[in-house]
């Protein structure tokens, strides 16, 4: 469950602008798939995470974010290595060969 609103990053006139996302934006379909698989750049020590679409083969933004949140919590428990440097969520990347999602974190 989301405990605070997600922030949208929008490039406007060369500057980044943060804005809270509303319920309508959280309910937008952002991924049409029956499931997604997530991995970490931390390598072999990091477990894979598979998440089924809760809404007839589609993930709403809130579903996708919930999957990222769950995966990152499981990753922390599995590796016992908190990453105190990369704390800013930059987005998701997809491996074009495998279709696996990777979450990007910056400092």
PDB file of N, CA and C in Angstrom:
ATOM      1  N   UNK A   1       0.840  -1.184   0.000  1.00  0.00           N
ATOM      2  CA  UNK A   1       0.000   0.000   0.000  1.00  0.00           C
ATOM      3  C   UNK A   1       0.884   1.247   0.000  1.00  0.00           C
ATOM      4  N   UNK A   2       0.426   2.242  -0.707  1.00  0.00           N
ATOM      5  CA  UNK A   2       1.175   3.500  -0.751  1.00  0.00           C
ATOM      6  C   UNK A   2       0.936   4.281   0.529  1.00  0.00           C
ATOM      7  N   UNK A   3       2.016   4.704   1.154  1.00  0.00           N
ATOM      8  CA  UNK A   3       1.890   5.475   2.378  1.00  0.00           C
ATOM      9  C   UNK A   3       2.047   6.962   2.132  1.00  0.00           C
ATOM     10  N   UNK A   4       2.588   7.311   0.977  1.00  0.00           N
ATOM     11  CA  UNK A   4       2.711   8.722   0.600  1.00  0.00           C
ATOM     12  C   UNK A   4       2.512   8.778  -0.914  1.00  0.00           C
ATOM     13  N   UNK A   5       2.084   9.902  -1.431  1.00  0.00           N
ATOM     14  CA  UNK A   5       1.841   9.974  -2.874  1.00  0.00           C
ATOM     15  C   UNK A   5       3.124   9.836  -3.673  1.00  0.00           C
ATOM     16  N   UNK A   6       3.027   9.185  -4.807  1.00  0.00           N
ATOM     17  CA  UNK A   6       4.150   9.132  -5.727  1.00  0.00           C
ATOM     18  C   UNK A   6       4.377  10.511  -6.300  1.00  0.00           C
ATOM     19  N   UNK A   7       5.586  10.766  -6.721  1.00  0.00           N
ATOM     20  CA  UNK A   7       5.886  12.041  -7.340  1.00  0.00           C
ATOM     21  C   UNK A   7       6.196  11.825  -8.798  1.00  0.00           C
ATOM     22  N   UNK A   8       5.633  12.645  -9.649  1.00  0.00           N
ATOM     23  CA  UNK A   8       5.922  12.577 -11.065  1.00  0.00           C
ATOM     24  C   UNK A   8       7.021  13.570 -11.401  1.00  0.00           C
ATOM     25  N   UNK A   9       7.949  13.158 -12.227  1.00  0.00           N
ATOM     26  CA  UNK A   9       9.031  14.041 -12.648  1.00  0.00           C
ATOM     27  C   UNK A   9       8.762  14.428 -14.091  1.00  0.00           C
ATOM     28  N   UNK A  10       8.709  15.696 -14.345  1.00  0.00           N
ATOM     29  CA  UNK A  10       8.356  16.195 -15.669  1.00  0.00           C
ATOM     30  C   UNK A  10       9.386  17.227 -16.093  1.00  0.00           C
ATOM     31  N   UNK A  11       9.906  17.088 -17.305  1.00  0.00           N
ATOM     32  CA  UNK A  11      10.884  18.044 -17.804  1.00  0.00           C
ATOM     33  C   UNK A  11      10.136  19.210 -18.443  1.00  0.00           C
ATOM     34  N   UNK A  12      10.341  20.397 -17.904  1.00  0.00           N
ATOM     35  CA  UNK A  12       9.628  21.574 -18.412  1.00  0.00           C
ATOM     36  C   UNK A  12      10.619  22.726 -18.515  1.00  0.00           C
ATOM     37  N   UNK A  13      10.901  23.155 -19.733  1.00  0.00           N
ATOM     38  CA  UNK A  13      11.815  24.267 -19.926  1.00  0.00           C
ATOM     39  C   UNK A  13      13.217  23.988 -19.424  1.00  0.00           C
ATOM     40  N   UNK A  14      13.636  22.720 -19.500  1.00  0.00           N
ATOM     41  CA  UNK A  14      14.982  22.359 -19.075  1.00  0.00           C
ATOM     42  C   UNK A  14      15.135  22.101 -17.593  1.00  0.00           C
ATOM     43  N   UNK A  15      14.034  22.194 -16.824  1.00  0.00           N
ATOM     44  CA  UNK A  15      14.117  21.951 -15.387  1.00  0.00           C
ATOM     45  C   UNK A  15      13.174  20.818 -14.998  1.00  0.00           C
ATOM     46  N   UNK A  16      13.519  20.115 -13.945  1.00  0.00           N
ATOM     47  CA  UNK A  16      12.642  19.063 -13.447  1.00  0.00           C
ATOM     48  C   UNK A  16      11.632  19.639 -12.481  1.00  0.00           C
ATOM     49  N   UNK A  17      10.433  19.141 -12.576  1.00  0.00           N
ATOM     50  CA  UNK A  17       9.370  19.605 -11.689  1.00  0.00           C
ATOM     51  C   UNK A  17       8.728  18.384 -11.052  1.00  0.00           C
ATOM     52  N   UNK A  18       8.620  18.398  -9.737  1.00  0.00           N
ATOM     53  CA  UNK A  18       7.974  17.303  -9.029  1.00  0.00           C
ATOM     54  C   UNK A  18       6.522  17.662  -8.781  1.00  0.00           C
ATOM     55  N   UNK A  19       5.652  16.687  -9.010  1.00  0.00           N
ATOM     56  CA  UNK A  19       4.246  16.925  -8.748  1.00  0.00           C
ATOM     57  C   UNK A  19       3.612  15.650  -8.217  1.00  0.00           C
ATOM     58  N   UNK A  20       2.741  15.802  -7.241  1.00  0.00           N
ATOM     59  CA  UNK A  20       2.048  14.655  -6.666  1.00  0.00           C
ATOM     60  C   UNK A  20       1.096  14.072  -7.703  1.00  0.00           C
ATOM     61  N   UNK A  21       1.008  12.753  -7.721  1.00  0.00           N
ATOM     62  CA  UNK A  21       0.094  12.089  -8.637  1.00  0.00           C
ATOM     63  C   UNK A  21      -1.244  11.880  -7.950  1.00  0.00           C
ATOM     64  N   UNK A  22      -2.316  12.100  -8.683  1.00  0.00           N
ATOM     65  CA  UNK A  22      -3.647  11.922  -8.139  1.00  0.00           C
ATOM     66  C   UNK A  22      -4.168  10.513  -8.365  1.00  0.00           C
ATOM     67  N   UNK A  23      -5.326  10.229  -7.816  1.00  0.00           N
ATOM     68  CA  UNK A  23      -5.938   8.907  -7.947  1.00  0.00           C
ATOM     69  C   UNK A  23      -6.130   8.508  -9.403  1.00  0.00           C
ATOM     70  N   UNK A  24      -6.550   9.451 -10.251  1.00  0.00           N
ATOM     71  CA  UNK A  24      -6.781   9.130 -11.667  1.00  0.00           C
ATOM     72  C   UNK A  24      -5.490   8.673 -12.342  1.00  0.00           C
ATOM     73  N   UNK A  25      -4.376   9.315 -12.012  1.00  0.00           N
ATOM     74  CA  UNK A  25      -3.096   8.924 -12.610  1.00  0.00           C
ATOM     75  C   UNK A  25      -2.632   7.575 -12.079  1.00  0.00           C
ATOM     76  N   UNK A  26      -2.866   7.298 -10.808  1.00  0.00           N
ATOM     77  CA  UNK A  26      -2.486   6.018 -10.225  1.00  0.00           C
ATOM     78  C   UNK A  26      -3.304   4.870 -10.813  1.00  0.00           C
ATOM     79  N   UNK A  27      -4.487   5.188 -11.336  1.00  0.00           N
ATOM     80  CA  UNK A  27      -5.362   4.171 -11.917  1.00  0.00           C
ATOM     81  C   UNK A  27      -5.207   4.026 -13.430  1.00  0.00           C
ATOM     82  N   UNK A  28      -4.175   4.624 -14.013  1.00  0.00           N
ATOM     83  CA  UNK A  28      -3.923   4.486 -15.447  1.00  0.00           C
ATOM     84  C   UNK A  28      -3.185   3.188 -15.727  1.00  0.00           C
ATOM     85  N   UNK A  29      -3.530   2.545 -16.830  1.00  0.00           N
ATOM     86  CA  UNK A  29      -2.829   1.337 -17.252  1.00  0.00           C
ATOM     87  C   UNK A  29      -1.454   1.744 -17.769  1.00  0.00           C
ATOM     88  N   UNK A  30      -0.401   1.143 -17.198  1.00  0.00           N
ATOM     89  CA  UNK A  30       0.961   1.476 -17.603  1.00  0.00           C
ATOM     90  C   UNK A  30       1.708   0.283 -18.176  1.00  0.00           C
ATOM     91  N   UNK A  31       1.153  -0.920 -18.024  1.00  0.00           N
ATOM     92  CA  UNK A  31       1.807  -2.121 -18.543  1.00  0.00           C
ATOM     93  C   UNK A  31       0.745  -3.155 -18.871  1.00  0.00           C
ATOM     94  N   UNK A  32       0.682  -3.564 -20.141  1.00  0.00           N
ATOM     95  CA  UNK A  32      -0.252  -4.600 -20.554  1.00  0.00           C
ATOM     96  C   UNK A  32       0.531  -5.901 -20.648  1.00  0.00           C
ATOM     97  N   UNK A  33       0.359  -6.759 -19.646  1.00  0.00           N
ATOM     98  CA  UNK A  33       1.040  -8.050 -19.579  1.00  0.00           C
ATOM     99  C   UNK A  33       0.352  -8.884 -18.508  1.00  0.00           C
ATOM    100  N   UNK A  34       0.400 -10.191 -18.652  1.00  0.00           N
ATOM    101  CA  UNK A  34      -0.211 -11.048 -17.634  1.00  0.00           C
ATOM    102  C   UNK A  34       0.674 -11.146 -16.391  1.00  0.00           C
ATOM    103  N   UNK A  35       1.985 -10.914 -16.576  1.00  0.00           N
ATOM    104  CA  UNK A  35       2.900 -10.903 -15.444  1.00  0.00           C
ATOM    105  C   UNK A  35       4.152 -10.115 -15.829  1.00  0.00           C
ATOM    106  N   UNK A  36       4.903  -9.734 -14.808  1.00  0.00           N
ATOM    107  CA  UNK A  36       6.191  -9.081 -15.027  1.00  0.00           C
ATOM    108  C   UNK A  36       7.226  -9.798 -14.175  1.00  0.00           C
ATOM    109  N   UNK A  37       8.470  -9.755 -14.622  1.00  0.00           N
ATOM    110  CA  UNK A  37       9.567 -10.310 -13.843  1.00  0.00           C
ATOM    111  C   UNK A  37      10.536  -9.186 -13.545  1.00  0.00           C
ATOM    112  N   UNK A  38      10.986  -9.126 -12.295  1.00  0.00           N
ATOM    113  CA  UNK A  38      11.927  -8.087 -11.883  1.00  0.00           C
ATOM    114  C   UNK A  38      13.230  -8.739 -11.444  1.00  0.00           C
ATOM    115  N   UNK A  39      14.326  -8.055 -11.712  1.00  0.00           N
ATOM    116  CA  UNK A  39      15.658  -8.467 -11.274  1.00  0.00           C
ATOM    117  C   UNK A  39      16.380  -7.225 -10.766  1.00  0.00           C
ATOM    118  N   UNK A  40      17.516  -7.451 -10.149  1.00  0.00           N
ATOM    119  CA  UNK A  40      18.317  -6.362  -9.619  1.00  0.00           C
ATOM    120  C   UNK A  40      19.671  -6.355 -10.290  1.00  0.00           C
ATOM    121  N   UNK A  41      20.270  -5.178 -10.366  1.00  0.00           N
ATOM    122  CA  UNK A  41      21.627  -5.047 -10.883  1.00  0.00           C
ATOM    123  C   UNK A  41      22.658  -5.582  -9.880  1.00  0.00           C
ATOM    124  N   UNK A  42      22.202  -6.025  -8.730  1.00  0.00           N
ATOM    125  CA  UNK A  42      23.131  -6.533  -7.711  1.00  0.00           C
ATOM    126  C   UNK A  42      23.675  -7.918  -8.056  1.00  0.00           C
ATOM    127  N   UNK A  43      23.230  -8.507  -9.143  1.00  0.00           N
ATOM    128  CA  UNK A  43      23.814  -9.758  -9.607  1.00  0.00           C
ATOM    129  C   UNK A  43      23.132 -11.005  -9.094  1.00  0.00           C
ATOM    130  N   UNK A  44      23.907 -12.084  -9.032  1.00  0.00           N
ATOM    131  CA  UNK A  44      23.366 -13.401  -8.715  1.00  0.00           C
ATOM    132  C   UNK A  44      22.803 -13.521  -7.304  1.00  0.00           C
ATOM    133  N   UNK A  45      23.261 -12.694  -6.395  1.00  0.00           N
ATOM    134  CA  UNK A  45      22.749 -12.763  -5.024  1.00  0.00           C
ATOM    135  C   UNK A  45      21.315 -12.262  -4.931  1.00  0.00           C
ATOM    136  N   UNK A  46      20.879 -11.532  -5.925  1.00  0.00           N
ATOM    137  CA  UNK A  46      19.547 -10.931  -5.888  1.00  0.00           C
ATOM    138  C   UNK A  46      18.511 -11.901  -6.457  1.00  0.00           C
ATOM    139  N   UNK A  47      17.442 -12.148  -5.723  1.00  0.00           N
ATOM    140  CA  UNK A  47      16.403 -13.048  -6.230  1.00  0.00           C
ATOM    141  C   UNK A  47      15.586 -12.380  -7.331  1.00  0.00           C
ATOM    142  N   UNK A  48      15.007 -13.204  -8.183  1.00  0.00           N
ATOM    143  CA  UNK A  48      14.061 -12.688  -9.187  1.00  0.00           C
ATOM    144  C   UNK A  48      12.700 -12.543  -8.513  1.00  0.00           C
ATOM    145  N   UNK A  49      11.893 -11.661  -9.032  1.00  0.00           N
ATOM    146  CA  UNK A  49      10.539 -11.486  -8.527  1.00  0.00           C
ATOM    147  C   UNK A  49       9.563 -11.554  -9.682  1.00  0.00           C
ATOM    148  N   UNK A  50       8.534 -12.378  -9.559  1.00  0.00           N
ATOM    149  CA  UNK A  50       7.511 -12.488 -10.592  1.00  0.00           C
ATOM    150  C   UNK A  50       6.200 -11.996  -9.996  1.00  0.00           C
ATOM    151  N   UNK A  51       5.540 -11.093 -10.716  1.00  0.00           N
ATOM    152  CA  UNK A  51       4.293 -10.494 -10.247  1.00  0.00           C
ATOM    153  C   UNK A  51       3.213 -10.666 -11.305  1.00  0.00           C
ATOM    154  N   UNK A  52       2.074 -11.186 -10.900  1.00  0.00           N
ATOM    155  CA  UNK A  52       0.942 -11.391 -11.801  1.00  0.00           C
ATOM    156  C   UNK A  52       0.096 -10.125 -11.863  1.00  0.00           C
ATOM    157  N   UNK A  53      -0.422  -9.849 -13.036  1.00  0.00           N
ATOM    158  CA  UNK A  53      -1.288  -8.670 -13.209  1.00  0.00           C
ATOM    159  C   UNK A  53      -2.597  -8.899 -12.451  1.00  0.00           C
ATOM    160  N   UNK A  54      -2.954  -7.987 -11.587  1.00  0.00           N
ATOM    161  CA  UNK A  54      -4.183  -8.155 -10.811  1.00  0.00           C
ATOM    162  C   UNK A  54      -5.449  -7.729 -11.557  1.00  0.00           C
ATOM    163  N   UNK A  55      -5.293  -7.162 -12.755  1.00  0.00           N
ATOM    164  CA  UNK A  55      -6.455  -6.575 -13.436  1.00  0.00           C
ATOM    165  C   UNK A  55      -6.549  -7.031 -14.891  1.00  0.00           C
ATOM    166  N   UNK A  56      -6.944  -8.260 -15.101  1.00  0.00           N
ATOM    167  CA  UNK A  56      -7.186  -8.779 -16.459  1.00  0.00           C
ATOM    168  C   UNK A  56      -6.039  -8.492 -17.430  1.00  0.00           C
ATOM    169  N   UNK A  57      -4.832  -8.859 -17.055  1.00  0.00           N
ATOM    170  CA  UNK A  57      -3.707  -8.725 -17.962  1.00  0.00           C
ATOM    171  C   UNK A  57      -3.122  -7.338 -18.069  1.00  0.00           C
ATOM    172  N   UNK A  58      -3.361  -6.505 -17.075  1.00  0.00           N
ATOM    173  CA  UNK A  58      -2.812  -5.146 -17.106  1.00  0.00           C
ATOM    174  C   UNK A  58      -2.420  -4.707 -15.699  1.00  0.00           C
ATOM    175  N   UNK A  59      -1.395  -3.880 -15.654  1.00  0.00           N
ATOM    176  CA  UNK A  59      -0.963  -3.264 -14.401  1.00  0.00           C
ATOM    177  C   UNK A  59      -1.309  -1.782 -14.451  1.00  0.00           C
ATOM    178  N   UNK A  60      -2.007  -1.323 -13.430  1.00  0.00           N
ATOM    179  CA  UNK A  60      -2.179   0.110 -13.266  1.00  0.00           C
ATOM    180  C   UNK A  60      -0.890   0.628 -12.650  1.00  0.00           C
ATOM    181  N   UNK A  61      -0.686   1.939 -12.660  1.00  0.00           N
ATOM    182  CA  UNK A  61       0.507   2.518 -12.062  1.00  0.00           C
ATOM    183  C   UNK A  61       0.638   2.095 -10.606  1.00  0.00           C
ATOM    184  N   UNK A  62      -0.459   2.106  -9.864  1.00  0.00           N
ATOM    185  CA  UNK A  62      -0.400   1.726  -8.445  1.00  0.00           C
ATOM    186  C   UNK A  62       0.012   0.268  -8.290  1.00  0.00           C
ATOM    187  N   UNK A  63      -0.397  -0.619  -9.211  1.00  0.00           N
ATOM    188  CA  UNK A  63      -0.008  -2.029  -9.163  1.00  0.00           C
ATOM    189  C   UNK A  63       1.478  -2.197  -9.438  1.00  0.00           C
ATOM    190  N   UNK A  64       1.953  -1.487 -10.442  1.00  0.00           N
ATOM    191  CA  UNK A  64       3.358  -1.577 -10.812  1.00  0.00           C
ATOM    192  C   UNK A  64       4.235  -1.052  -9.681  1.00  0.00           C
ATOM    193  N   UNK A  65       3.849   0.078  -9.097  1.00  0.00           N
ATOM    194  CA  UNK A  65       4.621   0.634  -7.987  1.00  0.00           C
ATOM    195  C   UNK A  65       4.606  -0.313  -6.795  1.00  0.00           C
ATOM    196  N   UNK A  66       3.483  -0.940  -6.525  1.00  0.00           N
ATOM    197  CA  UNK A  66       3.384  -1.901  -5.430  1.00  0.00           C
ATOM    198  C   UNK A  66       4.325  -3.084  -5.670  1.00  0.00           C
ATOM    199  N   UNK A  67       4.457  -3.512  -6.923  1.00  0.00           N
ATOM    200  CA  UNK A  67       5.378  -4.598  -7.270  1.00  0.00           C
ATOM    201  C   UNK A  67       6.826  -4.175  -7.035  1.00  0.00           C
ATOM    202  N   UNK A  68       7.173  -2.968  -7.448  1.00  0.00           N
ATOM    203  CA  UNK A  68       8.527  -2.453  -7.232  1.00  0.00           C
ATOM    204  C   UNK A  68       8.817  -2.381  -5.735  1.00  0.00           C
ATOM    205  N   UNK A  69       7.880  -1.847  -4.988  1.00  0.00           N
ATOM    206  CA  UNK A  69       8.048  -1.712  -3.536  1.00  0.00           C
ATOM    207  C   UNK A  69       8.247  -3.079  -2.879  1.00  0.00           C
ATOM    208  N   UNK A  70       7.423  -4.062  -3.249  1.00  0.00           N
ATOM    209  CA  UNK A  70       7.543  -5.399  -2.683  1.00  0.00           C
ATOM    210  C   UNK A  70       8.879  -6.033  -3.058  1.00  0.00           C
ATOM    211  N   UNK A  71       9.265  -5.899  -4.324  1.00  0.00           N
ATOM    212  CA  UNK A  71      10.519  -6.495  -4.768  1.00  0.00           C
ATOM    213  C   UNK A  71      11.715  -5.890  -4.042  1.00  0.00           C
ATOM    214  N   UNK A  72      11.738  -4.597  -3.899  1.00  0.00           N
ATOM    215  CA  UNK A  72      12.863  -3.943  -3.230  1.00  0.00           C
ATOM    216  C   UNK A  72      12.943  -4.355  -1.757  1.00  0.00           C
ATOM    217  N   UNK A  73      11.810  -4.554  -1.108  1.00  0.00           N
ATOM    218  CA  UNK A  73      11.817  -5.017   0.285  1.00  0.00           C
ATOM    219  C   UNK A  73      12.344  -6.446   0.363  1.00  0.00           C
ATOM    220  N   UNK A  74      11.910  -7.322  -0.563  1.00  0.00           N
ATOM    221  CA  UNK A  74      12.401  -8.697  -0.592  1.00  0.00           C
ATOM    222  C   UNK A  74      13.892  -8.738  -0.895  1.00  0.00           C
ATOM    223  N   UNK A  75      14.338  -7.869  -1.796  1.00  0.00           N
ATOM    224  CA  UNK A  75      15.748  -7.798  -2.157  1.00  0.00           C
ATOM    225  C   UNK A  75      16.604  -7.419  -0.947  1.00  0.00           C
ATOM    226  N   UNK A  76      16.153  -6.455  -0.194  1.00  0.00           N
ATOM    227  CA  UNK A  76      16.881  -6.030   0.996  1.00  0.00           C
ATOM    228  C   UNK A  76      16.969  -7.168   2.007  1.00  0.00           C
ATOM    229  N   UNK A  77      15.870  -7.889   2.205  1.00  0.00           N
ATOM    230  CA  UNK A  77      15.882  -9.005   3.155  1.00  0.00           C
ATOM    231  C   UNK A  77      16.789 -10.143   2.675  1.00  0.00           C
ATOM    232  N   UNK A  78      16.824 -10.385   1.372  1.00  0.00           N
ATOM    233  CA  UNK A  78      17.620 -11.494   0.827  1.00  0.00           C
ATOM    234  C   UNK A  78      19.112 -11.204   0.830  1.00  0.00           C
ATOM    235  N   UNK A  79      19.491  -9.966   0.553  1.00  0.00           N
ATOM    236  CA  UNK A  79      20.913  -9.646   0.441  1.00  0.00           C
ATOM    237  C   UNK A  79      21.500  -9.092   1.730  1.00  0.00           C
ATOM    238  N   UNK A  80      20.655  -8.601   2.623  1.00  0.00           N
ATOM    239  CA  UNK A  80      21.103  -7.996   3.882  1.00  0.00           C
ATOM    240  C   UNK A  80      22.103  -6.868   3.634  1.00  0.00           C
ATOM    241  N   UNK A  81      21.948  -6.212   2.488  1.00  0.00           N
ATOM    242  CA  UNK A  81      22.862  -5.128   2.129  1.00  0.00           C
ATOM    243  C   UNK A  81      22.084  -3.878   1.735  1.00  0.00           C
ATOM    244  N   UNK A  82      21.772  -3.028   2.685  1.00  0.00           N
ATOM    245  CA  UNK A  82      21.093  -1.788   2.301  1.00  0.00           C
ATOM    246  C   UNK A  82      22.026  -0.923   1.460  1.00  0.00           C
ATOM    247  N   UNK A  83      21.487  -0.326   0.442  1.00  0.00           N
ATOM    248  CA  UNK A  83      22.267   0.569  -0.422  1.00  0.00           C
ATOM    249  C   UNK A  83      21.954   1.990   0.017  1.00  0.00           C
ATOM    250  N   UNK A  84      22.838   2.557   0.795  1.00  0.00           N
ATOM    251  CA  UNK A  84      22.597   3.884   1.358  1.00  0.00           C
ATOM    252  C   UNK A  84      22.959   5.003   0.397  1.00  0.00           C
ATOM    253  N   UNK A  85      23.577   4.667  -0.721  1.00  0.00           N
ATOM    254  CA  UNK A  85      24.001   5.675  -1.684  1.00  0.00           C
ATOM    255  C   UNK A  85      22.939   5.926  -2.749  1.00  0.00           C
ATOM    256  N   UNK A  86      22.347   4.882  -3.283  1.00  0.00           N
ATOM    257  CA  UNK A  86      21.359   5.002  -4.360  1.00  0.00           C
ATOM    258  C   UNK A  86      19.953   4.988  -3.758  1.00  0.00           C
ATOM    259  N   UNK A  87      19.417   6.153  -3.478  1.00  0.00           N
ATOM    260  CA  UNK A  87      18.151   6.247  -2.750  1.00  0.00           C
ATOM    261  C   UNK A  87      17.043   6.949  -3.526  1.00  0.00           C
ATOM    262  N   UNK A  88      17.335   7.498  -4.692  1.00  0.00           N
ATOM    263  CA  UNK A  88      16.353   8.242  -5.473  1.00  0.00           C
ATOM    264  C   UNK A  88      15.860   7.358  -6.614  1.00  0.00           C
ATOM    265  N   UNK A  89      14.566   7.054  -6.652  1.00  0.00           N
ATOM    266  CA  UNK A  89      14.003   6.193  -7.695  1.00  0.00           C
ATOM    267  C   UNK A  89      14.022   6.926  -9.027  1.00  0.00           C
ATOM    268  N   UNK A  90      14.724   6.344 -10.009  1.00  0.00           N
ATOM    269  CA  UNK A  90      14.863   6.962 -11.328  1.00  0.00           C
ATOM    270  C   UNK A  90      13.908   6.376 -12.357  1.00  0.00           C
ATOM    271  N   UNK A  91      13.407   5.192 -12.106  1.00  0.00           N
ATOM    272  CA  UNK A  91      12.479   4.592 -13.046  1.00  0.00           C
ATOM    273  C   UNK A  91      12.786   3.132 -13.291  1.00  0.00           C
ATOM    274  N   UNK A  92      12.048   2.555 -14.234  1.00  0.00           N
ATOM    275  CA  UNK A  92      12.218   1.155 -14.601  1.00  0.00           C
ATOM    276  C   UNK A  92      12.855   1.059 -15.977  1.00  0.00           C
ATOM    277  N   UNK A  93      13.739   0.098 -16.124  1.00  0.00           N
ATOM    278  CA  UNK A  93      14.353  -0.203 -17.415  1.00  0.00           C
ATOM    279  C   UNK A  93      13.938  -1.618 -17.789  1.00  0.00           C
ATOM    280  N   UNK A  94      13.748  -1.851 -19.074  1.00  0.00           N
ATOM    281  CA  UNK A  94      13.396  -3.191 -19.519  1.00  0.00           C
ATOM    282  C   UNK A  94      14.511  -3.729 -20.399  1.00  0.00           C
ATOM    283  N   UNK A  95      14.908  -4.954 -20.138  1.00  0.00           N
ATOM    284  CA  UNK A  95      15.912  -5.632 -20.954  1.00  0.00           C
ATOM    285  C   UNK A  95      15.210  -6.079 -22.227  1.00  0.00           C
ATOM    286  N   UNK A  96      15.607  -5.554 -23.359  1.00  0.00           N
ATOM    287  CA  UNK A  96      14.910  -5.842 -24.616  1.00  0.00           C
ATOM    288  C   UNK A  96      15.066  -7.299 -25.045  1.00  0.00           C
ATOM    289  N   UNK A  97      16.077  -7.996 -24.559  1.00  0.00           N
ATOM    290  CA  UNK A  97      16.268  -9.402 -24.913  1.00  0.00           C
ATOM    291  C   UNK A  97      15.417 -10.339 -24.062  1.00  0.00           C
ATOM    292  N   UNK A  98      15.279 -10.017 -22.776  1.00  0.00           N
ATOM    293  CA  UNK A  98      14.586 -10.930 -21.856  1.00  0.00           C
ATOM    294  C   UNK A  98      13.214 -10.434 -21.418  1.00  0.00           C
ATOM    295  N   UNK A  99      12.968  -9.128 -21.521  1.00  0.00           N
ATOM    296  CA  UNK A  99      11.709  -8.562 -21.047  1.00  0.00           C
ATOM    297  C   UNK A  99      11.679  -8.355 -19.550  1.00  0.00           C
ATOM    298  N   UNK A 100      12.800  -8.552 -18.883  1.00  0.00           N
ATOM    299  CA  UNK A 100      12.872  -8.402 -17.427  1.00  0.00           C
ATOM    300  C   UNK A 100      13.025  -6.929 -17.067  1.00  0.00           C
ATOM    301  N   UNK A 101      12.299  -6.515 -16.027  1.00  0.00           N
ATOM    302  CA  UNK A 101      12.360  -5.131 -15.545  1.00  0.00           C
ATOM    303  C   UNK A 101      13.432  -4.981 -14.473  1.00  0.00           C
ATOM    304  N   UNK A 102      14.154  -3.871 -14.536  1.00  0.00           N
ATOM    305  CA  UNK A 102      15.147  -3.510 -13.535  1.00  0.00           C
ATOM    306  C   UNK A 102      14.779  -2.118 -13.021  1.00  0.00           C
ATOM    307  N   UNK A 103      14.788  -1.945 -11.709  1.00  0.00           N
ATOM    308  CA  UNK A 103      14.515  -0.612 -11.164  1.00  0.00           C
ATOM    309  C   UNK A 103      15.828   0.128 -11.040  1.00  0.00           C
ATOM    310  N   UNK A 104      15.812   1.399 -11.435  1.00  0.00           N
ATOM    311  CA  UNK A 104      16.997   2.236 -11.387  1.00  0.00           C
ATOM    312  C   UNK A 104      16.959   3.157 -10.184  1.00  0.00           C
ATOM    313  N   UNK A 105      18.069   3.221  -9.465  1.00  0.00           N
ATOM    314  CA  UNK A 105      18.176   4.070  -8.294  1.00  0.00           C
ATOM    315  C   UNK A 105      19.400   4.949  -8.418  1.00  0.00           C
ATOM    316  N   UNK A 106      19.239   6.223  -8.146  1.00  0.00           N
ATOM    317  CA  UNK A 106      20.346   7.173  -8.230  1.00  0.00           C
ATOM    318  C   UNK A 106      20.628   7.801  -6.893  1.00  0.00           C
ATOM    319  N   UNK A 107      21.585   8.700  -6.898  1.00  0.00           N
ATOM    320  CA  UNK A 107      21.944   9.353  -5.637  1.00  0.00           C
ATOM    321  C   UNK A 107      21.658  10.836  -5.716  1.00  0.00           C
TER     322      UNK A 107
END
